[in-house]
């Protein structure tokens, strides 16, 4: 009897150990699932609370059904798909399987990216016909404007779709980063290769931030500068004032007197997206011309007759003390075309260096696409601004692509052939005048 009792006791003890082991394994997730829960902590918090609510309403249900019911009520805010429990073959062990997915945003655009008769009403008598033809061909039927400027004088070589070019402007999007970068350099906050901490161990330099258009970098610079200094430099660079000299129909952009509220992103948002700012293509063209020529901010002029062309004289608005800063901007603006947000330009053109900055943003169902650049050509430098507005096909890289088509059109029309053998030799040795 004693032996039989001991045997039964042993069997009972073994059975209890087995049951406890299974219970512990089900209660404690595997290392892999623990890591998954760490990475999706924020998303699961909402799901877990809703799962508890569902369970309390529906009584005891299987974990998969409870979590599935909760996931149906979560909307589209979480960054994971429904959490499911998966049983491993040949084992009583249950592990948590999480399938990650990206955030999806569906913005509805009501404006059209295409338009006909873009050139209707343009005054063209004083423009360069070769430059104008190349700009019209490049723009095609995209709803936008193309502007070409001689940065050594401020003369507008062509302005396609003048109604849009002379309008009150639009958000500058990421092109505002040119002004912010120059301001931060002038204040001694950064150099081109200064690593700026953006949180944790993540750092970024000005060169990479310009090339790749890194928003957190310029948000950080904006907060370091503060609104008053940001506004001071923006106004000095020509934002908030007319860029042209007696150009009929030119409207004024807007640079606000107060910072964007913190609830909407504050000065950081203004310095990364240009929110609450309205900039015109002429204002951006004048700024990029000053970068291209070493610091002279010219009034832009648009001759209307042969007489005005013959008597043309540059008019200086102000001299910007940015000559020492321009080399610090050079690599980032060139990197945008080489490997960054404007690399689409190189799909159609790569005969000589182009430096620039893209911009993409949207407002009230209309999307904006900017690309401002200057090119180092055998015949000197030329500044271009292409601004597009419309729907989903409209964005900064598209404006860069059209700029490449514009430069290709000028190249194919032999516009860049050196005017003299001396100029050609100077270009080959890197001593051509801008």
Protein backbone atom coordinates (compact mmCIF):
# COMPACT_ATOMS: atom_id res chain seq x y z
CA UNK A 1 0.00 0.00 0.00
CA UNK A 2 2.86 2.36 0.83
CA UNK A 3 4.47 1.75 -2.57
CA UNK A 4 1.21 2.34 -4.35
CA UNK A 5 0.64 5.55 -2.44
CA UNK A 6 4.11 6.83 -3.23
CA UNK A 7 3.63 6.05 -6.92
CA UNK A 8 0.34 7.91 -7.05
CA UNK A 9 1.87 10.83 -5.21
CA UNK A 10 4.74 10.96 -7.66
CA UNK A 11 2.37 10.89 -10.66
CA UNK A 12 0.31 13.68 -9.13
CA UNK A 13 3.42 15.76 -8.44
CA UNK A 14 4.70 15.32 -12.03
CA UNK A 15 1.30 16.28 -13.44
CA UNK A 16 1.21 19.45 -11.36
CA UNK A 17 4.74 20.41 -12.49
CA UNK A 18 3.75 19.94 -16.12
CA UNK A 19 0.63 22.07 -15.72
CA UNK A 20 2.56 24.84 -13.97
CA UNK A 21 5.26 24.79 -16.68
CA UNK A 22 2.71 25.18 -19.45
CA UNK A 23 0.98 27.97 -17.56
CA UNK A 24 4.23 29.84 -17.04
CA UNK A 25 5.23 29.49 -20.68
CA UNK A 26 1.88 30.87 -21.85
CA UNK A 27 2.02 33.73 -19.37
CA UNK A 28 5.59 34.81 -20.22
CA UNK A 29 6.15 35.71 -23.90
CA UNK A 30 9.33 34.76 -25.68
CA UNK A 31 12.35 37.11 -25.97
CA UNK A 32 11.43 37.83 -29.57
CA UNK A 33 7.87 38.77 -28.67
CA UNK A 34 9.10 40.90 -25.78
CA UNK A 35 11.27 42.86 -28.22
CA UNK A 36 8.32 43.21 -30.56
CA UNK A 37 6.24 44.63 -27.72
CA UNK A 38 8.99 47.10 -26.84
CA UNK A 39 9.11 48.38 -30.42
CA UNK A 40 5.33 48.71 -30.61
CA UNK A 41 4.70 49.91 -27.08
CA UNK A 42 2.89 53.08 -28.06
CA UNK A 43 0.60 51.39 -30.55
CA UNK A 44 -0.30 48.47 -28.22
CA UNK A 45 -1.24 50.74 -25.33
CA UNK A 46 -4.40 51.82 -27.13
CA UNK A 47 -5.12 48.28 -28.32
CA UNK A 48 -4.66 46.77 -24.85
CA UNK A 49 -7.04 49.21 -23.20
CA UNK A 50 -9.69 48.60 -25.85
CA UNK A 51 -9.14 44.84 -25.56
CA UNK A 52 -9.88 45.03 -21.83
CA UNK A 53 -13.03 46.99 -22.53
CA UNK A 54 -14.18 44.49 -25.11
CA UNK A 55 -13.44 41.60 -22.78
CA UNK A 56 -15.39 43.17 -19.92
CA UNK A 57 -18.40 43.62 -22.18
CA UNK A 58 -18.30 40.22 -23.82
CA UNK A 59 -17.18 37.98 -20.98
CA UNK A 60 -14.39 35.40 -21.25
CA UNK A 61 -13.18 35.10 -24.83
CA UNK A 62 -10.04 33.83 -26.49
CA UNK A 63 -7.14 36.33 -26.59
CA UNK A 64 -7.12 36.44 -30.38
CA UNK A 65 -10.81 37.28 -30.58
CA UNK A 66 -10.57 39.93 -27.90
CA UNK A 67 -7.58 41.65 -29.52
CA UNK A 68 -9.12 41.38 -32.98
CA UNK A 69 -12.28 43.05 -31.70
CA UNK A 70 -10.24 45.79 -30.09
CA UNK A 71 -8.21 46.35 -33.23
CA UNK A 72 -11.37 46.95 -35.22
CA UNK A 73 -12.15 49.94 -33.02
CA UNK A 74 -8.73 51.57 -33.15
CA UNK A 75 -9.13 53.46 -36.44
CA UNK A 76 -5.95 54.12 -38.43
CA UNK A 77 -3.81 55.76 -35.77
CA UNK A 78 -1.72 52.77 -34.65
CA UNK A 79 1.39 51.77 -36.56
CA UNK A 80 0.79 48.01 -36.39
CA UNK A 81 -1.73 45.64 -37.88
CA UNK A 82 -3.99 43.59 -35.57
CA UNK A 83 -2.06 41.57 -32.99
CA UNK A 84 -2.63 37.82 -33.21
CA UNK A 85 -1.53 34.89 -31.11
CA UNK A 86 0.20 32.03 -32.93
CA UNK A 87 0.68 28.48 -31.60
CA UNK A 88 4.00 26.81 -32.44
CA UNK A 89 3.69 23.37 -34.03
CA UNK A 90 4.45 20.52 -31.65
CA UNK A 91 4.38 22.70 -28.57
CA UNK A 92 1.88 24.11 -26.15
CA UNK A 93 3.85 27.37 -26.20
CA UNK A 94 2.05 30.44 -27.50
CA UNK A 95 3.91 33.49 -28.80
CA UNK A 96 2.88 36.99 -29.81
CA UNK A 97 3.23 37.77 -33.52
CA UNK A 98 3.17 41.44 -34.51
CA UNK A 99 3.11 42.58 -38.12
CA UNK A 100 4.41 46.11 -38.51
CA UNK A 101 3.30 48.48 -41.22
CA UNK A 102 3.86 52.12 -42.11
CA UNK A 103 1.64 55.06 -41.31
CA UNK A 104 -0.64 55.82 -44.23
CA UNK A 105 -1.86 59.34 -44.87
CA UNK A 106 -4.42 60.06 -47.52
CA UNK A 107 -4.42 63.75 -48.40
CA UNK A 108 -7.01 64.87 -50.89
CA UNK A 109 -5.91 67.38 -53.51
CA UNK A 110 -8.52 69.44 -55.33
CA UNK A 111 -6.24 71.52 -57.58
CA UNK A 112 -5.10 70.40 -61.03
CA UNK A 113 -1.41 69.99 -61.84
CA UNK A 114 -2.00 70.80 -65.50
CA UNK A 115 -3.17 73.85 -67.41
CA UNK A 116 -3.38 75.20 -70.93
CA UNK A 117 -2.48 78.64 -72.27
CA UNK A 118 0.09 79.30 -69.55
CA UNK A 119 1.75 82.04 -71.60
CA UNK A 120 -1.42 84.01 -72.34
CA UNK A 121 -0.86 87.70 -71.57
CA UNK A 122 2.93 87.42 -71.06
CA UNK A 123 4.94 90.49 -72.04
CA UNK A 124 7.89 89.05 -73.98
CA UNK A 125 9.35 91.83 -76.14
CA UNK A 126 12.38 92.31 -73.91
CA UNK A 127 13.09 88.65 -73.12
CA UNK A 128 15.77 86.39 -74.53
CA UNK A 129 13.91 84.29 -77.13
CA UNK A 130 16.20 81.25 -76.79
CA UNK A 131 15.83 81.14 -73.02
CA UNK A 132 12.09 81.63 -73.26
CA UNK A 133 11.65 78.83 -75.79
CA UNK A 134 13.61 76.41 -73.60
CA UNK A 135 11.56 77.36 -70.53
CA UNK A 136 8.23 76.91 -72.34
CA UNK A 137 9.27 73.51 -73.66
CA UNK A 138 10.45 72.37 -70.22
CA UNK A 139 7.31 73.50 -68.41
CA UNK A 140 5.00 71.87 -70.95
CA UNK A 141 1.45 71.77 -69.64
CA UNK A 142 2.40 71.67 -65.96
CA UNK A 143 0.57 74.36 -64.01
CA UNK A 144 3.48 76.53 -62.97
CA UNK A 145 5.91 79.28 -63.79
CA UNK A 146 9.54 79.28 -64.94
CA UNK A 147 11.90 82.14 -64.21
CA UNK A 148 15.46 82.62 -65.51
CA UNK A 149 17.73 85.39 -64.19
CA UNK A 150 21.20 86.71 -64.93
CA UNK A 151 22.60 86.84 -61.37
CA UNK A 152 25.36 89.27 -62.32
CA UNK A 153 22.83 92.02 -63.04
CA UNK A 154 19.38 91.00 -61.84
CA UNK A 155 17.97 91.01 -65.38
CA UNK A 156 15.09 88.59 -65.91
CA UNK A 157 15.88 86.65 -69.08
CA UNK A 158 12.45 85.09 -69.24
CA UNK A 159 9.33 84.79 -67.10
CA UNK A 160 6.87 82.16 -68.33
CA UNK A 161 3.31 82.41 -66.97
CA UNK A 162 3.77 85.90 -65.60
CA UNK A 163 0.35 85.91 -63.97
CA UNK A 164 1.51 83.21 -61.53
CA UNK A 165 5.09 84.51 -61.20
CA UNK A 166 3.85 87.96 -60.14
CA UNK A 167 1.12 86.69 -57.81
CA UNK A 168 1.19 86.93 -54.02
CA UNK A 169 3.19 83.72 -53.81
CA UNK A 170 2.85 80.58 -51.72
CA UNK A 171 4.48 78.74 -48.87
CA UNK A 172 8.18 78.43 -49.66
CA UNK A 173 8.22 74.87 -48.29
CA UNK A 174 11.80 73.62 -47.89
CA UNK A 175 13.35 76.38 -49.98
CA UNK A 176 13.15 78.49 -46.79
CA UNK A 177 16.05 76.36 -45.55
CA UNK A 178 18.43 78.41 -47.69
CA UNK A 179 17.69 81.53 -45.65
CA UNK A 180 17.77 79.60 -42.35
CA UNK A 181 21.09 77.96 -43.22
CA UNK A 182 22.69 81.30 -44.07
CA UNK A 183 21.35 82.81 -40.84
CA UNK A 184 22.75 80.00 -38.69
CA UNK A 185 26.12 80.25 -40.44
CA UNK A 186 26.26 84.01 -39.98
CA UNK A 187 25.43 83.68 -36.29
CA UNK A 188 28.24 81.15 -35.87
CA UNK A 189 25.93 78.38 -34.73
CA UNK A 190 27.19 75.83 -37.25
CA UNK A 191 29.63 75.14 -40.03
CA UNK A 192 28.91 72.86 -42.96
CA UNK A 193 30.30 69.82 -41.11
CA UNK A 194 29.16 70.64 -37.56
CA UNK A 195 27.19 67.68 -36.16
CA UNK A 196 23.91 68.92 -34.70
CA UNK A 197 22.19 66.59 -32.24
CA UNK A 198 18.60 65.95 -33.21
CA UNK A 199 17.80 63.69 -30.29
CA UNK A 200 19.42 60.61 -28.83
CA UNK A 201 22.47 59.61 -30.85
CA UNK A 202 21.12 61.05 -34.10
CA UNK A 203 23.24 63.90 -35.51
CA UNK A 204 23.23 65.72 -38.83
CA UNK A 205 25.43 68.22 -40.67
CA UNK A 206 24.36 71.23 -42.72
CA UNK A 207 25.64 69.66 -45.92
CA UNK A 208 23.54 66.50 -45.56
CA UNK A 209 20.55 68.42 -44.20
CA UNK A 210 20.46 70.69 -47.26
CA UNK A 211 21.01 67.85 -49.72
CA UNK A 212 18.39 65.56 -48.18
CA UNK A 213 16.11 68.34 -46.87
CA UNK A 214 16.08 67.12 -43.25
CA UNK A 215 13.25 68.93 -41.47
CA UNK A 216 14.27 68.24 -37.83
CA UNK A 217 17.69 69.78 -38.50
CA UNK A 218 16.24 73.12 -39.61
CA UNK A 219 13.60 73.01 -36.90
CA UNK A 220 16.48 72.76 -34.42
CA UNK A 221 18.32 75.68 -36.06
CA UNK A 222 15.13 77.73 -35.99
CA UNK A 223 14.68 77.18 -32.26
CA UNK A 224 18.36 78.00 -31.66
CA UNK A 225 18.02 81.25 -33.61
CA UNK A 226 14.66 82.32 -32.24
CA UNK A 227 11.93 84.07 -34.17
CA UNK A 228 13.35 87.60 -34.01
CA UNK A 229 16.67 86.61 -35.57
CA UNK A 230 14.97 84.35 -38.13
CA UNK A 231 12.72 87.22 -39.21
CA UNK A 232 15.64 89.68 -39.31
CA UNK A 233 17.60 87.53 -41.74
CA UNK A 234 14.56 86.66 -43.85
CA UNK A 235 13.77 90.36 -44.32
CA UNK A 236 17.42 91.15 -45.05
CA UNK A 237 17.38 88.47 -47.76
CA UNK A 238 14.35 90.11 -49.39
CA UNK A 239 11.37 88.20 -48.02
CA UNK A 240 8.40 90.41 -47.22
CA UNK A 241 9.30 93.09 -49.79
CA UNK A 242 8.99 93.53 -53.55
CA UNK A 243 11.82 91.86 -55.44
CA UNK A 244 11.35 93.67 -58.74
CA UNK A 245 12.02 97.21 -59.86
CA UNK A 246 8.94 98.75 -61.49
CA UNK A 247 7.59 95.38 -62.65
CA UNK A 248 3.93 95.96 -63.42
CA UNK A 249 1.59 93.63 -61.58
CA UNK A 250 4.11 92.29 -59.05
CA UNK A 251 2.45 91.43 -55.75
CA UNK A 252 4.02 91.26 -52.33
CA UNK A 253 4.62 88.08 -50.38
CA UNK A 254 4.11 87.90 -46.62
CA UNK A 255 6.53 87.39 -43.77
CA UNK A 256 4.56 87.52 -40.51
CA UNK A 257 5.43 89.80 -37.58
CA UNK A 258 4.77 87.08 -35.03
CA UNK A 259 5.90 83.48 -34.77
CA UNK A 260 3.67 80.57 -35.63
CA UNK A 261 1.95 79.37 -32.42
CA UNK A 262 3.75 76.55 -30.67
CA UNK A 263 0.66 74.38 -31.04
CA UNK A 264 1.24 74.55 -34.80
CA UNK A 265 4.98 73.98 -34.64
CA UNK A 266 6.30 77.42 -33.74
CA UNK A 267 9.43 78.89 -35.28
CA UNK A 268 10.74 75.40 -35.98
CA UNK A 269 7.91 74.73 -38.40
CA UNK A 270 8.48 78.10 -40.06
CA UNK A 271 12.14 77.20 -40.64
CA UNK A 272 11.50 73.72 -42.06
CA UNK A 273 8.31 74.13 -44.11
CA UNK A 274 7.92 77.90 -44.30
CA UNK A 275 4.46 77.64 -42.77
CA UNK A 276 2.66 81.01 -42.36
CA UNK A 277 5.11 82.56 -44.88
CA UNK A 278 4.20 83.53 -48.43
CA UNK A 279 7.12 83.85 -50.86
CA UNK A 280 7.04 84.79 -54.54
CA UNK A 281 9.16 83.20 -57.28
CA UNK A 282 10.84 86.59 -57.79
CA UNK A 283 11.84 86.83 -54.12
CA UNK A 284 13.38 83.35 -54.22
CA UNK A 285 15.10 84.15 -57.52
CA UNK A 286 16.64 87.31 -56.08
CA UNK A 287 17.97 85.42 -53.03
CA UNK A 288 19.49 82.60 -55.09
CA UNK A 289 21.01 85.21 -57.42
CA UNK A 290 22.71 86.80 -54.40
CA UNK A 291 24.11 83.39 -53.43
CA UNK A 292 25.28 82.84 -57.01
CA UNK A 293 27.01 86.23 -57.37
CA UNK A 294 28.66 86.39 -53.95
CA UNK A 295 26.26 88.56 -51.98
CA UNK A 296 24.71 91.32 -54.12
CA UNK A 297 20.94 91.46 -53.77
CA UNK A 298 19.77 93.09 -57.00
CA UNK A 299 16.38 94.47 -57.80
CA UNK A 300 15.09 92.18 -60.53
CA UNK A 301 14.30 93.97 -63.78
CA UNK A 302 12.18 92.78 -66.67
CA UNK A 303 12.92 94.87 -69.81
CA UNK A 304 9.94 95.34 -72.07
CA UNK A 305 11.48 96.86 -75.20
CA UNK A 306 14.68 96.86 -77.24
CA UNK A 307 15.36 100.36 -75.92
CA UNK A 308 15.12 99.20 -72.33
CA UNK A 309 17.52 96.37 -73.09
CA UNK A 310 20.00 98.76 -74.69
CA UNK A 311 19.83 101.13 -71.72
CA UNK A 312 19.72 98.44 -69.04
CA UNK A 313 21.58 99.24 -65.82
CA UNK A 314 21.69 96.94 -62.77
CA UNK A 315 20.09 98.30 -59.61
CA UNK A 316 21.48 97.11 -56.28
CA UNK A 317 19.04 96.76 -53.40
CA UNK A 318 21.67 95.93 -50.77
CA UNK A 319 24.95 94.12 -50.30
CA UNK A 320 24.68 90.99 -48.15
CA UNK A 321 27.71 90.02 -46.10
CA UNK A 322 27.42 86.36 -47.05
CA UNK A 323 30.49 85.82 -49.26
CA UNK A 324 32.33 83.85 -46.54
CA UNK A 325 29.19 81.75 -45.93
CA UNK A 326 28.53 80.67 -49.51
CA UNK A 327 31.26 77.97 -49.59
CA UNK A 328 29.63 76.46 -46.48
CA UNK A 329 26.34 76.17 -48.43
CA UNK A 330 27.94 74.96 -51.66
CA UNK A 331 28.30 71.25 -50.88
CA UNK A 332 24.74 70.90 -49.60
CA UNK A 333 23.20 72.65 -52.59
CA UNK A 334 25.33 70.62 -54.98
CA UNK A 335 24.55 67.44 -53.04
CA UNK A 336 20.82 68.04 -53.53
CA UNK A 337 21.36 67.50 -57.27
CA UNK A 338 24.03 64.83 -57.01
CA UNK A 339 22.34 62.47 -54.55
CA UNK A 340 19.57 64.32 -52.74
CA UNK A 341 16.04 65.58 -53.33
CA UNK A 342 16.84 67.15 -56.73
CA UNK A 343 18.68 64.19 -58.26
CA UNK A 344 15.85 63.81 -60.80
CA UNK A 345 17.48 66.74 -62.63
CA UNK A 346 20.37 64.49 -63.62
CA UNK A 347 18.04 62.17 -65.51
CA UNK A 348 18.02 64.69 -68.35
CA UNK A 349 21.07 66.88 -67.77
CA UNK A 350 24.57 66.47 -66.33
CA UNK A 351 26.88 68.48 -68.59
CA UNK A 352 27.87 71.01 -65.90
CA UNK A 353 27.27 71.53 -62.16
CA UNK A 354 23.88 72.68 -60.93
CA UNK A 355 23.32 73.69 -57.30
CA UNK A 356 19.89 74.17 -55.79
CA UNK A 357 17.17 73.42 -53.28
CA UNK A 358 13.80 71.75 -53.65
CA UNK A 359 10.60 72.41 -51.73
CA UNK A 360 7.35 70.44 -51.38
CA UNK A 361 4.32 71.16 -49.20
CA UNK A 362 0.57 71.62 -49.47
CA UNK A 363 -2.19 73.88 -48.23
CA UNK A 364 -5.97 73.55 -48.47
CA UNK A 365 -5.94 70.89 -51.18
CA UNK A 366 -3.21 72.48 -53.30
CA UNK A 367 0.29 71.07 -53.49
CA UNK A 368 3.35 73.23 -54.16
CA UNK A 369 6.59 72.18 -55.81
CA UNK A 370 9.66 74.44 -55.88
CA UNK A 371 13.15 74.18 -57.26
CA UNK A 372 15.58 77.11 -57.21
CA UNK A 373 19.07 76.68 -58.64
CA UNK A 374 22.06 78.22 -60.28
CA UNK A 375 24.27 76.58 -62.88
CA UNK A 376 28.01 76.89 -63.47
CA UNK A 377 27.93 77.19 -67.26
CA UNK A 378 30.70 77.91 -69.80
CA UNK A 379 29.02 81.26 -70.47
CA UNK A 380 28.70 82.28 -66.81
CA UNK A 381 26.07 81.56 -64.18
CA UNK A 382 22.32 81.46 -64.67
CA UNK A 383 19.64 81.26 -61.98
CA UNK A 384 16.36 79.43 -62.46
CA UNK A 385 13.24 79.12 -60.36
CA UNK A 386 10.48 76.71 -61.28
CA UNK A 387 7.34 76.83 -59.16
CA UNK A 388 4.47 74.38 -59.63
CA UNK A 389 1.08 74.15 -58.00
CA UNK A 390 -1.59 71.50 -58.33
CA UNK A 391 -2.26 68.01 -57.02
CA UNK A 392 -0.35 64.80 -56.41
CA UNK A 393 1.94 65.02 -59.50
CA UNK A 394 3.22 68.36 -58.20
CA UNK A 395 6.26 68.31 -55.91
CA UNK A 396 9.83 69.60 -55.62
CA UNK A 397 11.60 66.74 -57.42
CA UNK A 398 9.28 67.29 -60.40
CA UNK A 399 10.31 70.95 -60.52
CA UNK A 400 13.96 69.79 -60.45
CA UNK A 401 13.27 67.39 -63.32
CA UNK A 402 11.77 70.22 -65.39
CA UNK A 403 14.80 72.37 -64.57
CA UNK A 404 17.00 69.65 -66.03
CA UNK A 405 14.85 69.72 -69.16
CA UNK A 406 15.27 73.52 -69.28
CA UNK A 407 19.06 73.30 -69.09
CA UNK A 408 18.98 70.53 -71.70
CA UNK A 409 16.97 72.78 -74.00
CA UNK A 410 19.48 75.58 -73.64
CA UNK A 411 22.36 73.17 -74.20
CA UNK A 412 20.77 71.77 -77.36
CA UNK A 413 20.21 75.32 -78.62
CA UNK A 414 23.96 76.07 -78.09
CA UNK A 415 23.11 78.80 -75.59
CA UNK A 416 26.07 77.96 -73.38
CA UNK A 417 28.75 78.10 -76.04
CA UNK A 418 31.50 80.43 -74.75
CA UNK A 419 31.32 83.82 -76.36
CA UNK A 420 35.09 83.98 -76.87
CA UNK A 421 38.05 81.64 -76.76
CA UNK A 422 39.28 83.58 -73.72
CA UNK A 423 36.07 82.83 -71.80
CA UNK A 424 36.30 79.16 -72.75
CA UNK A 425 39.87 78.99 -71.46
CA UNK A 426 38.85 80.77 -68.26
CA UNK A 427 36.06 78.28 -67.69
CA UNK A 428 38.38 75.32 -68.21
CA UNK A 429 40.76 76.69 -65.60
CA UNK A 430 37.98 77.57 -63.21
CA UNK A 431 38.42 81.36 -63.42
CA UNK A 432 35.32 82.34 -65.34
CA UNK A 433 33.44 85.39 -64.06
CA UNK A 434 30.09 84.51 -62.50
